[in-house]
C-alpha atoms as a PDB file:
ATOM      1  CA  MET A   1      55.326  54.694  28.840  1.00  0.00           C
ATOM      2  CA  LYS A   2      54.898  54.603  32.545  1.00  0.00           C
ATOM      3  CA  ARG A   3      53.374  58.141  32.520  1.00  0.00           C
ATOM      4  CA  VAL A   4      50.817  56.949  29.938  1.00  0.00           C
ATOM      5  CA  TRP A   5      49.679  54.054  32.163  1.00  0.00           C
ATOM      6  CA  ILE A   6      49.540  56.295  35.211  1.00  0.00           C
ATOM      7  CA  SER A   7      47.475  58.861  33.179  1.00  0.00           C
ATOM      8  CA  CYS A   8      45.139  56.191  31.987  1.00  0.00           C
ATOM      9  CA  LEU A   9      44.686  54.841  35.502  1.00  0.00           C
ATOM     10  CA  LEU A  10      44.040  58.299  36.791  1.00  0.00           C
ATOM     11  CA  LEU A  11      41.311  58.873  34.138  1.00  0.00           C
ATOM     12  CA  VAL A  12      39.663  55.624  35.045  1.00  0.00           C
ATOM     13  CA  VAL A  13      39.583  56.490  38.739  1.00  0.00           C
ATOM     14  CA  LEU A  14      38.188  59.948  38.008  1.00  0.00           C
ATOM     15  CA  ALA A  15      35.567  58.562  35.663  1.00  0.00           C
ATOM     16  CA  ALA A  16      34.564  56.037  38.326  1.00  0.00           C
ATOM     17  CA  CYS A  17      34.192  58.771  40.882  1.00  0.00           C
ATOM     18  CA  SER A  18      32.164  61.085  38.684  1.00  0.00           C
ATOM     19  CA  GLU A  19      29.701  58.275  37.903  1.00  0.00           C
ATOM     20  CA  LYS A  20      28.606  58.179  41.511  1.00  0.00           C
ATOM     21  CA  MET A  21      26.790  61.479  41.460  1.00  0.00           C
ATOM     22  CA  ILE A  22      23.876  62.947  39.626  1.00  0.00           C
ATOM     23  CA  THR A  23      24.208  66.605  38.857  1.00  0.00           C
ATOM     24  CA  ASP A  24      21.815  69.257  37.631  1.00  0.00           C
ATOM     25  CA  LYS A  25      23.585  72.198  36.084  1.00  0.00           C
ATOM     26  CA  SER A  26      20.485  73.687  34.393  1.00  0.00           C
ATOM     27  CA  THR A  27      18.304  74.357  37.470  1.00  0.00           C
ATOM     28  CA  GLY A  28      19.100  77.683  39.074  1.00  0.00           C
ATOM     29  CA  LYS A  29      18.427  78.601  42.703  1.00  0.00           C
ATOM     30  CA  SER A  30      17.261  82.060  41.935  1.00  0.00           C
ATOM     31  CA  ILE A  31      13.574  82.786  41.251  1.00  0.00           C
ATOM     32  CA  GLU A  32      12.668  84.501  38.002  1.00  0.00           C
ATOM     33  CA  GLU A  33      10.523  87.663  38.116  1.00  0.00           C
ATOM     34  CA  VAL A  34       7.993  87.131  35.320  1.00  0.00           C
ATOM     35  CA  SER A  35       4.771  88.674  34.079  1.00  0.00           C
ATOM     36  CA  GLN A  36       1.514  86.745  34.249  1.00  0.00           C
ATOM     37  CA  GLY A  37       0.918  86.663  30.506  1.00  0.00           C
ATOM     38  CA  SER A  38      -1.441  83.846  29.737  1.00  0.00           C
ATOM     39  CA  ASN A  39      -0.400  81.840  32.774  1.00  0.00           C
ATOM     40  CA  ILE A  40      -2.275  81.539  36.084  1.00  0.00           C
ATOM     41  CA  ILE A  41      -1.213  82.985  39.442  1.00  0.00           C
ATOM     42  CA  VAL A  42      -1.518  80.875  42.607  1.00  0.00           C
ATOM     43  CA  ASN A  43      -0.777  81.548  46.305  1.00  0.00           C
ATOM     44  CA  PRO A  44       0.538  78.272  47.780  1.00  0.00           C
ATOM     45  CA  LEU A  45      -0.973  77.027  51.001  1.00  0.00           C
ATOM     46  CA  SER A  46       2.387  76.336  52.694  1.00  0.00           C
ATOM     47  CA  ASP A  47       5.916  77.760  52.930  1.00  0.00           C
ATOM     48  CA  ALA A  48       7.432  74.465  51.833  1.00  0.00           C
ATOM     49  CA  MET A  49       9.473  76.218  49.103  1.00  0.00           C
ATOM     50  CA  ASP A  50      10.814  78.921  51.497  1.00  0.00           C
ATOM     51  CA  GLN A  51      14.492  79.569  50.864  1.00  0.00           C
ATOM     52  CA  GLY A  52      14.632  82.199  53.641  1.00  0.00           C
ATOM     53  CA  ASN A  53      12.574  85.017  52.198  1.00  0.00           C
ATOM     54  CA  SER A  54       9.112  83.479  51.553  1.00  0.00           C
ATOM     55  CA  GLU A  55       9.952  83.541  47.826  1.00  0.00           C
ATOM     56  CA  TYR A  56       6.974  81.333  46.773  1.00  0.00           C
ATOM     57  CA  ALA A  57       4.403  82.694  49.222  1.00  0.00           C
ATOM     58  CA  ARG A  58       2.452  84.901  46.814  1.00  0.00           C
ATOM     59  CA  ASN A  59       1.930  85.528  43.113  1.00  0.00           C
ATOM     60  CA  VAL A  60       3.474  82.319  41.911  1.00  0.00           C
ATOM     61  CA  VAL A  61       3.175  82.169  38.161  1.00  0.00           C
ATOM     62  CA  VAL A  62       2.237  78.734  36.696  1.00  0.00           C
ATOM     63  CA  ASP A  63       2.236  77.601  33.051  1.00  0.00           C
ATOM     64  CA  VAL A  64      -0.603  75.106  33.004  1.00  0.00           C
ATOM     65  CA  LEU A  65       0.125  74.128  29.364  1.00  0.00           C
ATOM     66  CA  TYR A  66       3.846  73.451  29.840  1.00  0.00           C
ATOM     67  CA  TYR A  67       3.583  69.718  30.371  1.00  0.00           C
ATOM     68  CA  LYS A  68       1.147  69.206  27.428  1.00  0.00           C
ATOM     69  CA  THR A  69       4.245  69.258  25.150  1.00  0.00           C
ATOM     70  CA  LYS A  70       7.154  68.705  27.476  1.00  0.00           C
ATOM     71  CA  SER A  71       8.220  66.120  30.028  1.00  0.00           C
ATOM     72  CA  VAL A  72       8.765  66.696  33.702  1.00  0.00           C
ATOM     73  CA  VAL A  73      12.526  67.217  34.474  1.00  0.00           C
ATOM     74  CA  ARG A  74      14.473  66.834  37.708  1.00  0.00           C
ATOM     75  CA  GLY A  75      14.618  70.282  39.361  1.00  0.00           C
ATOM     76  CA  ASP A  76      11.334  71.474  37.911  1.00  0.00           C
ATOM     77  CA  ILE A  77       8.933  73.132  40.515  1.00  0.00           C
ATOM     78  CA  VAL A  78       5.496  71.856  39.834  1.00  0.00           C
ATOM     79  CA  TYR A  79       2.029  72.978  40.842  1.00  0.00           C
ATOM     80  CA  TYR A  80      -0.338  70.236  41.963  1.00  0.00           C
ATOM     81  CA  GLY A  81      -3.329  69.504  44.248  1.00  0.00           C
ATOM     82  CA  ASP A  82      -4.908  72.432  45.993  1.00  0.00           C
ATOM     83  CA  ASN A  83      -2.369  75.166  45.543  1.00  0.00           C
ATOM     84  CA  ASN A  84       0.734  73.189  46.328  1.00  0.00           C
ATOM     85  CA  VAL A  85       4.136  73.673  44.816  1.00  0.00           C
ATOM     86  CA  ALA A  86       7.245  71.527  45.238  1.00  0.00           C
ATOM     87  CA  ARG A  87      10.384  70.563  43.458  1.00  0.00           C
ATOM     88  CA  VAL A  88      10.763  67.321  41.446  1.00  0.00           C
ATOM     89  CA  ILE A  89      13.808  65.384  42.735  1.00  0.00           C
ATOM     90  CA  ALA A  90      13.157  61.890  41.201  1.00  0.00           C
ATOM     91  CA  LEU A  91      11.694  60.710  37.926  1.00  0.00           C
ATOM     92  CA  PRO A  92       9.647  57.692  36.931  1.00  0.00           C
ATOM     93  CA  ASN A  93      11.261  54.222  37.555  1.00  0.00           C
ATOM     94  CA  GLU A  94      13.987  55.693  39.752  1.00  0.00           C
ATOM     95  CA  LYS A  95      15.007  54.299  43.198  1.00  0.00           C
ATOM     96  CA  VAL A  96      15.334  57.032  45.883  1.00  0.00           C
ATOM     97  CA  LYS A  97      16.617  57.061  49.376  1.00  0.00           C
ATOM     98  CA  VAL A  98      17.772  59.634  51.892  1.00  0.00           C
ATOM     99  CA  THR A  99      20.858  59.093  53.946  1.00  0.00           C
ATOM    100  CA  ASN A 100      22.001  61.699  56.531  1.00  0.00           C
ATOM    101  CA  GLY A 101      19.959  64.450  54.845  1.00  0.00           C
ATOM    102  CA  HIS A 102      21.325  63.682  51.296  1.00  0.00           C
ATOM    103  CA  ILE A 103      19.191  62.341  48.475  1.00  0.00           C
ATOM    104  CA  TYR A 104      20.470  59.285  46.499  1.00  0.00           C
ATOM    105  CA  ILE A 105      18.915  58.199  43.222  1.00  0.00           C
ATOM    106  CA  ASN A 106      19.730  54.755  41.889  1.00  0.00           C
ATOM    107  CA  SER A 107      22.512  54.685  44.515  1.00  0.00           C
ATOM    108  CA  ARG A 108      24.060  57.885  43.148  1.00  0.00           C
ATOM    109  CA  LYS A 109      24.197  61.105  45.237  1.00  0.00           C
ATOM    110  CA  LEU A 110      22.121  63.940  43.867  1.00  0.00           C
ATOM    111  CA  ASP A 111      24.756  66.682  43.799  1.00  0.00           C
ATOM    112  CA  THR A 112      22.822  69.926  43.504  1.00  0.00           C
ATOM    113  CA  PHE A 113      21.504  72.661  45.801  1.00  0.00           C
ATOM    114  CA  TYR A 114      18.237  70.733  46.257  1.00  0.00           C
ATOM    115  CA  GLY A 115      19.948  67.384  46.781  1.00  0.00           C
ATOM    116  CA  ALA A 116      20.377  67.858  50.495  1.00  0.00           C
ATOM    117  CA  ALA A 117      18.377  69.033  53.417  1.00  0.00           C
ATOM    118  CA  HIS A 118      17.720  72.836  53.809  1.00  0.00           C
ATOM    119  CA  VAL A 119      15.827  74.820  56.449  1.00  0.00           C
ATOM    120  CA  ARG A 120      14.837  78.409  55.583  1.00  0.00           C
ATOM    121  CA  GLY A 121      17.538  78.481  52.900  1.00  0.00           C
ATOM    122  CA  TYR A 122      20.309  77.245  55.180  1.00  0.00           C
ATOM    123  CA  ASP A 123      22.286  74.161  54.441  1.00  0.00           C
ATOM    124  CA  TYR A 124      23.644  72.156  57.361  1.00  0.00           C
ATOM    125  CA  LEU A 125      26.750  74.207  58.012  1.00  0.00           C
ATOM    126  CA  ARG A 126      25.006  77.594  57.813  1.00  0.00           C
ATOM    127  CA  PHE A 127      22.091  76.322  59.921  1.00  0.00           C
ATOM    128  CA  LYS A 128      24.414  74.887  62.556  1.00  0.00           C
ATOM    129  CA  ASP A 129      26.019  78.297  62.953  1.00  0.00           C
ATOM    130  CA  SER A 130      22.717  80.252  62.991  1.00  0.00           C
ATOM    131  CA  ASP A 131      21.477  82.151  66.004  1.00  0.00           C
ATOM    132  CA  MET A 132      18.495  79.862  66.602  1.00  0.00           C
ATOM    133  CA  ASP A 133      17.771  78.653  70.111  1.00  0.00           C
ATOM    134  CA  GLU A 134      19.999  75.643  70.802  1.00  0.00           C
ATOM    135  CA  PRO A 135      17.328  73.036  71.785  1.00  0.00           C
ATOM    136  CA  ALA A 136      15.189  73.877  68.804  1.00  0.00           C
ATOM    137  CA  LYS A 137      18.214  73.996  66.505  1.00  0.00           C
ATOM    138  CA  GLN A 138      19.475  70.579  67.607  1.00  0.00           C
ATOM    139  CA  SER A 139      15.972  69.152  67.232  1.00  0.00           C
ATOM    140  CA  LEU A 140      15.863  70.269  63.612  1.00  0.00           C
ATOM    141  CA  ILE A 141      19.399  69.030  63.020  1.00  0.00           C
ATOM    142  CA  ASP A 142      18.381  65.613  64.187  1.00  0.00           C
ATOM    143  CA  GLU A 143      15.041  65.592  62.399  1.00  0.00           C
ATOM    144  CA  ILE A 144      15.973  67.183  59.124  1.00  0.00           C
ATOM    145  CA  PHE A 145      19.747  67.286  58.480  1.00  0.00           C
ATOM    146  CA  LYS A 146      20.239  63.771  59.728  1.00  0.00           C
ATOM    147  CA  LYS A 147      17.123  62.448  57.969  1.00  0.00           C
ATOM    148  CA  ASN A 148      17.122  58.878  56.702  1.00  0.00           C
ATOM    149  CA  GLN A 149      14.493  57.319  54.498  1.00  0.00           C
ATOM    150  CA  SER A 150      14.456  53.796  53.180  1.00  0.00           C
ATOM    151  CA  GLU A 151      14.700  53.322  49.453  1.00  0.00           C
ATOM    152  CA  ILE A 152      11.547  53.563  47.420  1.00  0.00           C
ATOM    153  CA  THR A 153      11.023  52.749  43.752  1.00  0.00           C
ATOM    154  CA  LEU A 154       8.839  54.965  41.715  1.00  0.00           C
ATOM    155  CA  LYS A 155       6.425  53.591  39.196  1.00  0.00           C
ATOM    156  CA  ASN A 156       6.563  54.528  35.488  1.00  0.00           C
ATOM    157  CA  ASP A 157       4.001  57.307  36.012  1.00  0.00           C
ATOM    158  CA  GLU A 158       5.262  58.723  39.300  1.00  0.00           C
ATOM    159  CA  VAL A 159       7.735  61.457  40.413  1.00  0.00           C
ATOM    160  CA  LEU A 160       9.003  62.355  43.904  1.00  0.00           C
ATOM    161  CA  VAL A 161       8.701  65.908  45.045  1.00  0.00           C
ATOM    162  CA  ILE A 162       9.695  67.862  48.145  1.00  0.00           C
ATOM    163  CA  GLY A 163       9.841  71.595  49.016  1.00  0.00           C
ATOM    164  CA  ASP A 164      13.106  73.399  49.313  1.00  0.00           C
ATOM    165  CA  ASP A 165      12.552  73.719  53.089  1.00  0.00           C
ATOM    166  CA  TRP A 166      12.564  70.192  54.422  1.00  0.00           C
ATOM    167  CA  SER A 167      11.297  71.281  57.854  1.00  0.00           C
ATOM    168  CA  ARG A 168       8.038  72.515  56.221  1.00  0.00           C
ATOM    169  CA  SER A 169       7.594  69.860  53.566  1.00  0.00           C
ATOM    170  CA  THR A 170       7.453  66.076  53.114  1.00  0.00           C
ATOM    171  CA  PHE A 171       8.567  63.735  50.358  1.00  0.00           C
ATOM    172  CA  SER A 172       5.546  63.020  48.218  1.00  0.00           C
ATOM    173  CA  LYS A 173       4.929  60.674  45.328  1.00  0.00           C
ATOM    174  CA  LEU A 174       2.889  62.253  42.553  1.00  0.00           C
ATOM    175  CA  LEU A 175       1.359  60.679  39.513  1.00  0.00           C
ATOM    176  CA  THR A 176       2.538  62.583  36.545  1.00  0.00           C
ATOM    177  CA  ASN A 177      -1.108  63.248  35.522  1.00  0.00           C
ATOM    178  CA  GLU A 178      -1.673  64.978  38.866  1.00  0.00           C
ATOM    179  CA  ILE A 179       0.793  67.693  37.957  1.00  0.00           C
ATOM    180  CA  LEU A 180      -1.260  70.769  36.922  1.00  0.00           C
ATOM    181  CA  GLY A 181       1.594  72.933  35.612  1.00  0.00           C
ATOM    182  CA  LYS A 182       5.143  74.220  35.888  1.00  0.00           C
ATOM    183  CA  VAL A 183       6.154  77.120  38.072  1.00  0.00           C
ATOM    184  CA  ILE A 184       8.003  79.564  35.950  1.00  0.00           C
ATOM    185  CA  GLY A 185       8.587  82.332  38.467  1.00  0.00           C
ATOM    186  CA  VAL A 186       6.786  84.991  40.570  1.00  0.00           C
ATOM    187  CA  CYS A 187       5.118  88.170  39.629  1.00  0.00           C
ATOM    188  CA  THR A 188       5.629  90.649  42.487  1.00  0.00           C
ATOM    189  CA  LYS A 189       3.871  93.383  40.529  1.00  0.00           C
ATOM    190  CA  CYS A 190       0.790  91.210  40.097  1.00  0.00           C
ATOM    191  CA  SER A 191      -2.095  91.399  42.593  1.00  0.00           C
ATOM    192  CA  GLN A 192      -4.635  88.765  43.219  1.00  0.00           C
END
């Protein structure tokens, strides 16, 4: 009987711990190679989505009809404004803050590859060990990897986006009707 109580207690503790994080198991880090098809190709104005190899610099394929029938989902890379692309990290009505370079949504840590600061594809540990010049490296560590941002609450028609490279991007609120399409990949064989 004692084992049953201990097992139950352990399950309660584990369940409580797992509730403190938001995960995203459906968004992959790799970028799909796709054909243009009936979609548009854009060349973003910044390298805010750089994961170390300028992945989203050219020939980014955008499905401009995608959100006509589907809702925006956390982890989506969206196209908006004048050739901008960024990743959706928070959805309408959510509360978001950044503490020590980690994103928290409704007081729960966003536990996914885009839930923490990155610079040129490096997380904190890899960046700290990189061969970058020390004063510049320390400056980026202080500015990006130790970033704090007060909690904000999104309205029912807003999402929060940021590029995968926090040193080249900013947190931006977007109205959902300002999103022009979903990035579905890149077409390296396409020319524009």
